[in-house]
Amino acid sequence: MSKSKVFSLAGLLLGVFLLIGCSSTTPMMNETESQPPVASQEVIHTLTPVDTQIPTEIQLPTETQVTVETQQPGSNVDYISGGLLYDDWMKQLEVEPPEEDQPLWKTQTTNARSGKDTWRCKECHGWDYKGLEGAYGSGSHLTGFKGVLDSVSMTEDELLAWMDGSENSEHDFSAYFQEAELTLIVNFLKYGLFDTAAYINADKTISGGDSSNGKVLYNGLCAACHGEDGRMLNFGDEDEPEFVGTIAIDNPWEFWHKASFGHPDSQMVSVLKIGWSIQDIADVLTYSQTLPTE
């Protein structure tokens, strides 16, 4: 065989090898390019209440516009306990109240209360969380202090600054709250507030509540402690009794708060913690307004 033929044959074989090599690697390149982007290894952890089952969908009356959007926390955020502190932190923590009035109390002259009452969050900001613009905008509880509903739009650091005196030295609770307790009240202010105007009218009547469903829920849970007529426990005295029906009619905002979060230093169940919806609370409140008041 001539040298020219040998070179031609060798060139042909080299071309075949190169063709086979390219065809075998091309699919691998295409497969790699067609893979979707690999997700980042960074995981963002969200927080929600410990041992609480808060409905993810809040059922509201279609005719009412709610002005405050409730923030949805993650699974490790306890704001139920913060609601108890807002009610009466001294009773919940089983501590003696400070000897002096809350420092900011001296800046108002319309509310004649003193001592322990001046340290309760609800006394300044109201059961409806609206302060001057809510139910405490008149009457003996009037202080002129603003509400806290807008705190849902604040950061946790900003809220903490209001609680530990960083923002205002006369609103410093760090001497009475440990770090964990400051976190609880911040959680409540950030995640636990709800504008009850969606259900509770200014005249204390209820809109959008289902009394029939409320009766079923009340008898299934509340009646065990309060009785079917709501008079098993008297929160007042013999001269001025106060029962479930009394509170529901006279102060539906207080009823709503205590049903939602429970009563400080007691066995009262937080209905939010056991999975009741906002609508359920409205239904029970509607039914409770039919119960005896004396």
Protein backbone atom coordinates (compact mmCIF):
# COMPACT_ATOMS: atom_id res chain seq x y z
CA MET A 1 0.00 0.00 0.00
CA SER A 2 1.34 3.40 -0.93
CA LYS A 3 2.17 6.02 1.67
CA SER A 4 -0.52 8.33 0.30
CA LYS A 5 -3.19 5.67 0.79
CA VAL A 6 -1.99 5.02 4.35
CA PHE A 7 -2.22 8.71 5.22
CA SER A 8 -5.69 8.94 3.67
CA LEU A 9 -6.91 5.97 5.69
CA ALA A 10 -5.41 7.36 8.89
CA GLY A 11 -7.06 10.72 8.29
CA LEU A 12 -10.41 9.05 7.71
CA LEU A 13 -10.16 7.09 10.96
CA LEU A 14 -9.17 10.22 12.91
CA GLY A 15 -12.20 12.06 11.56
CA VAL A 16 -14.51 9.22 12.62
CA PHE A 17 -13.03 9.22 16.16
CA LEU A 18 -13.50 12.98 16.47
CA LEU A 19 -17.10 12.73 15.23
CA ILE A 20 -17.93 10.00 17.75
CA GLY A 21 -16.28 11.97 20.57
CA CYS A 22 -18.27 15.14 19.81
CA SER A 23 -21.57 13.27 19.52
CA SER A 24 -21.02 11.55 22.89
CA THR A 25 -20.26 14.75 24.81
CA THR A 26 -22.89 17.02 23.31
CA PRO A 27 -25.92 15.47 25.13
CA MET A 28 -24.12 15.91 28.48
CA MET A 29 -23.64 19.59 27.77
CA ASN A 30 -27.29 20.01 26.81
CA GLU A 31 -28.47 18.11 29.90
CA THR A 32 -26.42 20.34 32.13
CA GLU A 33 -27.72 23.49 30.52
CA SER A 34 -31.34 22.30 30.78
CA GLN A 35 -31.17 21.77 34.54
CA PRO A 36 -33.21 24.35 36.57
CA PRO A 37 -31.21 26.75 38.75
CA VAL A 38 -30.15 25.14 42.02
CA ALA A 39 -31.93 26.68 44.99
CA SER A 40 -29.83 28.60 47.47
CA GLN A 41 -28.78 26.62 50.51
CA GLU A 42 -29.83 29.55 52.73
CA VAL A 43 -33.08 28.80 54.60
CA ILE A 44 -35.27 31.60 55.90
CA HIS A 45 -36.96 30.56 59.15
CA THR A 46 -40.36 32.06 59.91
CA LEU A 47 -41.94 32.24 63.34
CA THR A 48 -45.43 31.35 64.60
CA PRO A 49 -46.92 30.93 68.11
CA VAL A 50 -45.76 28.03 70.28
CA ASP A 51 -48.57 25.53 70.77
CA THR A 52 -51.03 27.92 69.19
CA GLN A 53 -53.26 27.21 66.25
CA ILE A 54 -54.23 30.50 64.71
CA PRO A 55 -56.45 30.28 61.65
CA THR A 56 -54.55 31.36 58.54
CA GLU A 57 -57.73 32.73 57.01
CA ILE A 58 -59.74 35.22 59.05
CA GLN A 59 -63.38 35.25 58.06
CA LEU A 60 -64.75 38.77 58.16
CA PRO A 61 -68.15 40.25 57.29
CA THR A 62 -68.18 41.22 53.63
CA GLU A 63 -69.87 44.53 54.36
CA THR A 64 -67.20 45.80 56.76
CA GLN A 65 -63.77 47.11 55.87
CA VAL A 66 -61.02 46.19 58.30
CA THR A 67 -58.44 48.92 58.69
CA VAL A 68 -55.62 46.88 60.22
CA GLU A 69 -53.99 43.87 58.59
CA THR A 70 -52.99 41.23 61.09
CA GLN A 71 -49.41 40.04 60.61
CA GLN A 72 -49.03 36.28 60.29
CA PRO A 73 -46.25 35.04 62.60
CA GLY A 74 -44.34 31.82 62.30
CA SER A 75 -44.56 28.66 64.40
CA ASN A 76 -42.30 29.71 67.28
CA VAL A 77 -43.82 33.06 68.21
CA ASP A 78 -45.87 33.14 71.39
CA TYR A 79 -48.07 36.23 71.36
CA ILE A 80 -50.86 34.69 73.45
CA SER A 81 -48.80 35.20 76.62
CA GLY A 82 -48.16 38.78 75.55
CA GLY A 83 -51.91 39.35 75.47
CA LEU A 84 -52.06 38.32 79.13
CA LEU A 85 -49.30 40.79 79.99
CA TYR A 86 -51.14 43.57 78.17
CA ASP A 87 -54.20 42.83 80.32
CA ASP A 88 -52.46 42.77 83.72
CA TRP A 89 -48.76 41.91 83.73
CA MET A 90 -48.48 42.22 87.50
CA LYS A 91 -51.15 39.58 88.05
CA GLN A 92 -49.81 37.33 85.31
CA LEU A 93 -46.24 37.48 86.66
CA GLU A 94 -47.45 37.36 90.28
CA VAL A 95 -45.44 40.42 91.30
CA GLU A 96 -46.25 43.40 93.45
CA PRO A 97 -47.06 46.58 91.52
CA PRO A 98 -44.58 49.47 91.64
CA GLU A 99 -45.16 51.83 94.55
CA GLU A 100 -45.41 54.94 92.39
CA ASP A 101 -47.70 55.71 89.49
CA GLN A 102 -46.40 55.00 86.01
CA PRO A 103 -44.19 58.02 85.15
CA LEU A 104 -46.25 59.09 82.14
CA TRP A 105 -49.42 59.14 84.24
CA LYS A 106 -48.61 62.63 85.48
CA THR A 107 -48.92 63.96 81.92
CA GLN A 108 -52.71 63.47 82.01
CA THR A 109 -55.37 64.73 84.42
CA THR A 110 -58.60 63.15 83.16
CA ASN A 111 -58.22 59.63 84.58
CA ALA A 112 -58.30 59.73 88.39
CA ARG A 113 -57.01 56.19 88.94
CA SER A 114 -53.69 55.62 90.68
CA GLY A 115 -51.24 52.92 91.67
CA LYS A 116 -51.48 49.56 89.95
CA ASP A 117 -54.07 50.66 87.38
CA THR A 118 -51.63 53.20 85.95
CA TRP A 119 -49.24 50.38 85.01
CA ARG A 120 -51.74 48.27 83.08
CA CYS A 121 -51.29 48.59 79.32
CA LYS A 122 -55.02 48.40 78.74
CA GLU A 123 -55.66 51.39 81.02
CA CYS A 124 -53.81 53.71 78.67
CA HIS A 125 -54.39 52.03 75.32
CA GLY A 126 -57.79 50.41 75.81
CA TRP A 127 -59.26 46.97 75.32
CA ASP A 128 -59.82 47.90 71.69
CA TYR A 129 -56.16 49.00 71.38
CA LYS A 130 -57.22 52.42 70.09
CA GLY A 131 -56.59 54.62 73.12
CA LEU A 132 -57.89 58.15 72.61
CA GLU A 133 -59.56 57.19 69.34
CA GLY A 134 -61.46 54.25 70.80
CA ALA A 135 -63.78 53.39 73.67
CA TYR A 136 -61.41 55.09 76.12
CA GLY A 137 -61.71 58.34 74.21
CA SER A 138 -64.27 59.49 76.77
CA GLY A 139 -65.47 58.61 80.25
CA SER A 140 -63.53 57.82 83.39
CA HIS A 141 -60.83 55.88 81.51
CA LEU A 142 -59.88 58.80 79.27
CA THR A 143 -56.16 59.56 79.40
CA GLY A 144 -55.51 61.07 75.99
CA PHE A 145 -52.84 58.47 75.20
CA LYS A 146 -52.82 57.05 71.69
CA GLY A 147 -53.61 53.46 70.81
CA VAL A 148 -51.30 50.69 69.69
CA LEU A 149 -53.04 49.30 66.61
CA ASP A 150 -50.44 50.80 64.30
CA SER A 151 -47.72 48.79 66.04
CA VAL A 152 -48.35 45.94 63.58
CA SER A 153 -46.51 48.02 60.99
CA MET A 154 -43.49 48.59 63.23
CA THR A 155 -40.43 46.36 63.47
CA GLU A 156 -39.78 44.24 66.53
CA ASP A 157 -36.74 46.37 67.34
CA GLU A 158 -38.83 49.54 67.20
CA LEU A 159 -41.43 48.03 69.52
CA LEU A 160 -38.77 46.84 71.94
CA ALA A 161 -37.37 50.36 72.05
CA TRP A 162 -40.76 51.59 73.26
CA MET A 163 -40.89 48.91 75.95
CA ASP A 164 -37.36 49.13 77.35
CA GLY A 165 -37.19 52.92 77.57
CA SER A 166 -34.88 53.45 74.60
CA GLU A 167 -37.51 55.53 72.81
CA ASN A 168 -38.93 57.20 75.92
CA SER A 169 -37.30 56.83 79.33
CA GLU A 170 -40.65 57.29 81.07
CA HIS A 171 -42.06 54.25 79.26
CA ASP A 172 -39.42 51.87 80.54
CA PHE A 173 -40.59 48.42 81.64
CA SER A 174 -37.18 46.77 81.61
CA ALA A 175 -36.95 47.01 85.41
CA TYR A 176 -40.04 44.80 85.70
CA PHE A 177 -39.89 42.60 82.59
CA GLN A 178 -37.12 40.14 81.90
CA GLU A 179 -35.90 39.83 78.32
CA ALA A 180 -38.25 36.93 77.60
CA GLU A 181 -41.24 38.90 78.87
CA LEU A 182 -40.31 41.93 76.80
CA THR A 183 -40.25 39.61 73.79
CA LEU A 184 -43.73 38.33 74.65
CA ILE A 185 -45.29 41.79 74.78
CA VAL A 186 -43.51 42.76 71.55
CA ASN A 187 -44.90 39.62 69.91
CA PHE A 188 -48.39 40.57 71.03
CA LEU A 189 -48.10 44.11 69.70
CA LYS A 190 -46.68 42.88 66.40
CA TYR A 191 -48.82 39.81 65.75
CA GLY A 192 -51.73 39.64 68.20
CA LEU A 193 -53.75 42.81 67.55
CA PHE A 194 -57.03 42.83 65.67
CA ASP A 195 -59.33 45.73 64.85
CA THR A 196 -62.62 44.59 66.36
CA ALA A 197 -64.49 47.39 64.58
CA ALA A 198 -65.19 44.74 61.95
CA TYR A 199 -67.69 43.28 64.44
CA ILE A 200 -68.15 45.57 67.45
CA ASN A 201 -70.06 48.78 66.78
CA ALA A 202 -69.52 52.03 68.65
CA ASP A 203 -72.82 51.46 70.53
CA LYS A 204 -71.47 48.05 71.72
CA THR A 205 -73.82 46.02 69.56
CA ILE A 206 -72.39 43.27 67.35
CA SER A 207 -72.52 42.99 63.57
CA GLY A 208 -71.88 39.81 61.64
CA GLY A 209 -72.12 37.40 64.58
CA ASP A 210 -74.09 34.12 64.49
CA SER A 211 -75.77 33.64 67.86
CA SER A 212 -76.78 30.04 67.08
CA ASN A 213 -73.22 28.97 66.40
CA GLY A 214 -72.11 31.03 69.38
CA LYS A 215 -74.42 29.10 71.66
CA VAL A 216 -72.98 25.79 70.48
CA LEU A 217 -69.42 27.01 71.03
CA TYR A 218 -70.23 28.57 74.40
CA ASN A 219 -71.93 25.46 75.77
CA GLY A 220 -69.13 23.28 74.42
CA LEU A 221 -66.36 25.20 76.22
CA CYS A 222 -67.28 28.23 78.31
CA ALA A 223 -70.26 26.79 80.18
CA ALA A 224 -68.04 24.33 82.07
CA CYS A 225 -66.68 27.21 84.18
CA HIS A 226 -69.19 30.01 83.68
CA GLY A 227 -72.41 27.98 83.64
CA GLU A 228 -74.95 27.78 80.83
CA ASP A 229 -76.43 31.13 81.87
CA GLY A 230 -73.01 32.71 82.45
CA ARG A 231 -73.62 33.33 86.16
CA MET A 232 -71.56 30.61 87.79
CA LEU A 233 -68.70 33.08 88.35
CA ASN A 234 -69.33 36.57 89.68
CA PHE A 235 -66.55 39.00 88.72
CA GLY A 236 -68.14 41.75 90.79
CA ASP A 237 -69.78 41.50 94.19
CA GLU A 238 -73.25 40.94 95.64
CA ASP A 239 -74.19 44.61 95.30
CA GLU A 240 -72.87 44.98 91.78
CA PRO A 241 -72.62 41.53 90.22
CA GLU A 242 -70.73 41.08 86.98
CA PHE A 243 -71.24 38.00 84.87
CA VAL A 244 -70.36 36.87 81.34
CA GLY A 245 -73.47 38.60 80.01
CA THR A 246 -72.61 41.79 81.89
CA ILE A 247 -69.16 42.07 80.34
CA ALA A 248 -70.42 41.10 76.88
CA ILE A 249 -72.93 43.96 76.92
CA ASP A 250 -71.06 46.62 78.90
CA ASN A 251 -67.56 46.07 77.52
CA PRO A 252 -67.53 43.82 74.44
CA TRP A 253 -63.91 44.82 73.70
CA GLU A 254 -62.78 43.41 77.05
CA PHE A 255 -64.81 40.28 76.36
CA TRP A 256 -63.09 39.89 72.99
CA HIS A 257 -59.60 40.31 74.45
CA LYS A 258 -60.12 37.86 77.30
CA ALA A 259 -61.77 35.29 75.05
CA SER A 260 -58.84 35.59 72.65
CA PHE A 261 -56.00 35.43 75.17
CA GLY A 262 -57.45 34.21 78.46
CA HIS A 263 -57.43 35.82 81.91
CA PRO A 264 -54.12 36.56 83.69
CA ASP A 265 -52.93 33.96 86.21
CA SER A 266 -55.91 31.68 85.68
CA GLN A 267 -56.88 28.47 83.92
CA MET A 268 -59.03 30.31 81.39
CA VAL A 269 -58.41 28.96 77.90
CA SER A 270 -57.27 31.18 75.05
CA VAL A 271 -59.68 30.30 72.25
CA LEU A 272 -57.10 31.39 69.67
CA LYS A 273 -54.76 28.82 71.13
CA ILE A 274 -57.24 26.00 70.56
CA GLY A 275 -57.99 27.00 67.00
CA TRP A 276 -61.09 29.17 67.14
CA SER A 277 -61.46 31.61 64.28
CA ILE A 278 -62.16 35.32 64.54
CA GLN A 279 -65.70 34.56 63.40
CA ASP A 280 -66.11 32.07 66.25
CA ILE A 281 -65.21 34.76 68.78
CA ALA A 282 -67.74 37.13 67.23
CA ASP A 283 -70.39 34.39 67.35
CA VAL A 284 -69.80 33.64 71.05
CA LEU A 285 -69.83 37.35 71.88
CA THR A 286 -73.13 37.74 70.03
CA TYR A 287 -74.65 34.86 71.98
CA SER A 288 -73.17 36.04 75.29
CA GLN A 289 -74.98 39.37 74.93
CA THR A 290 -78.23 37.37 75.32
CA LEU A 291 -77.17 35.99 78.73
CA PRO A 292 -78.41 37.41 82.08
CA THR A 293 -76.60 40.41 83.51
CA GLU A 294 -77.86 40.06 87.10
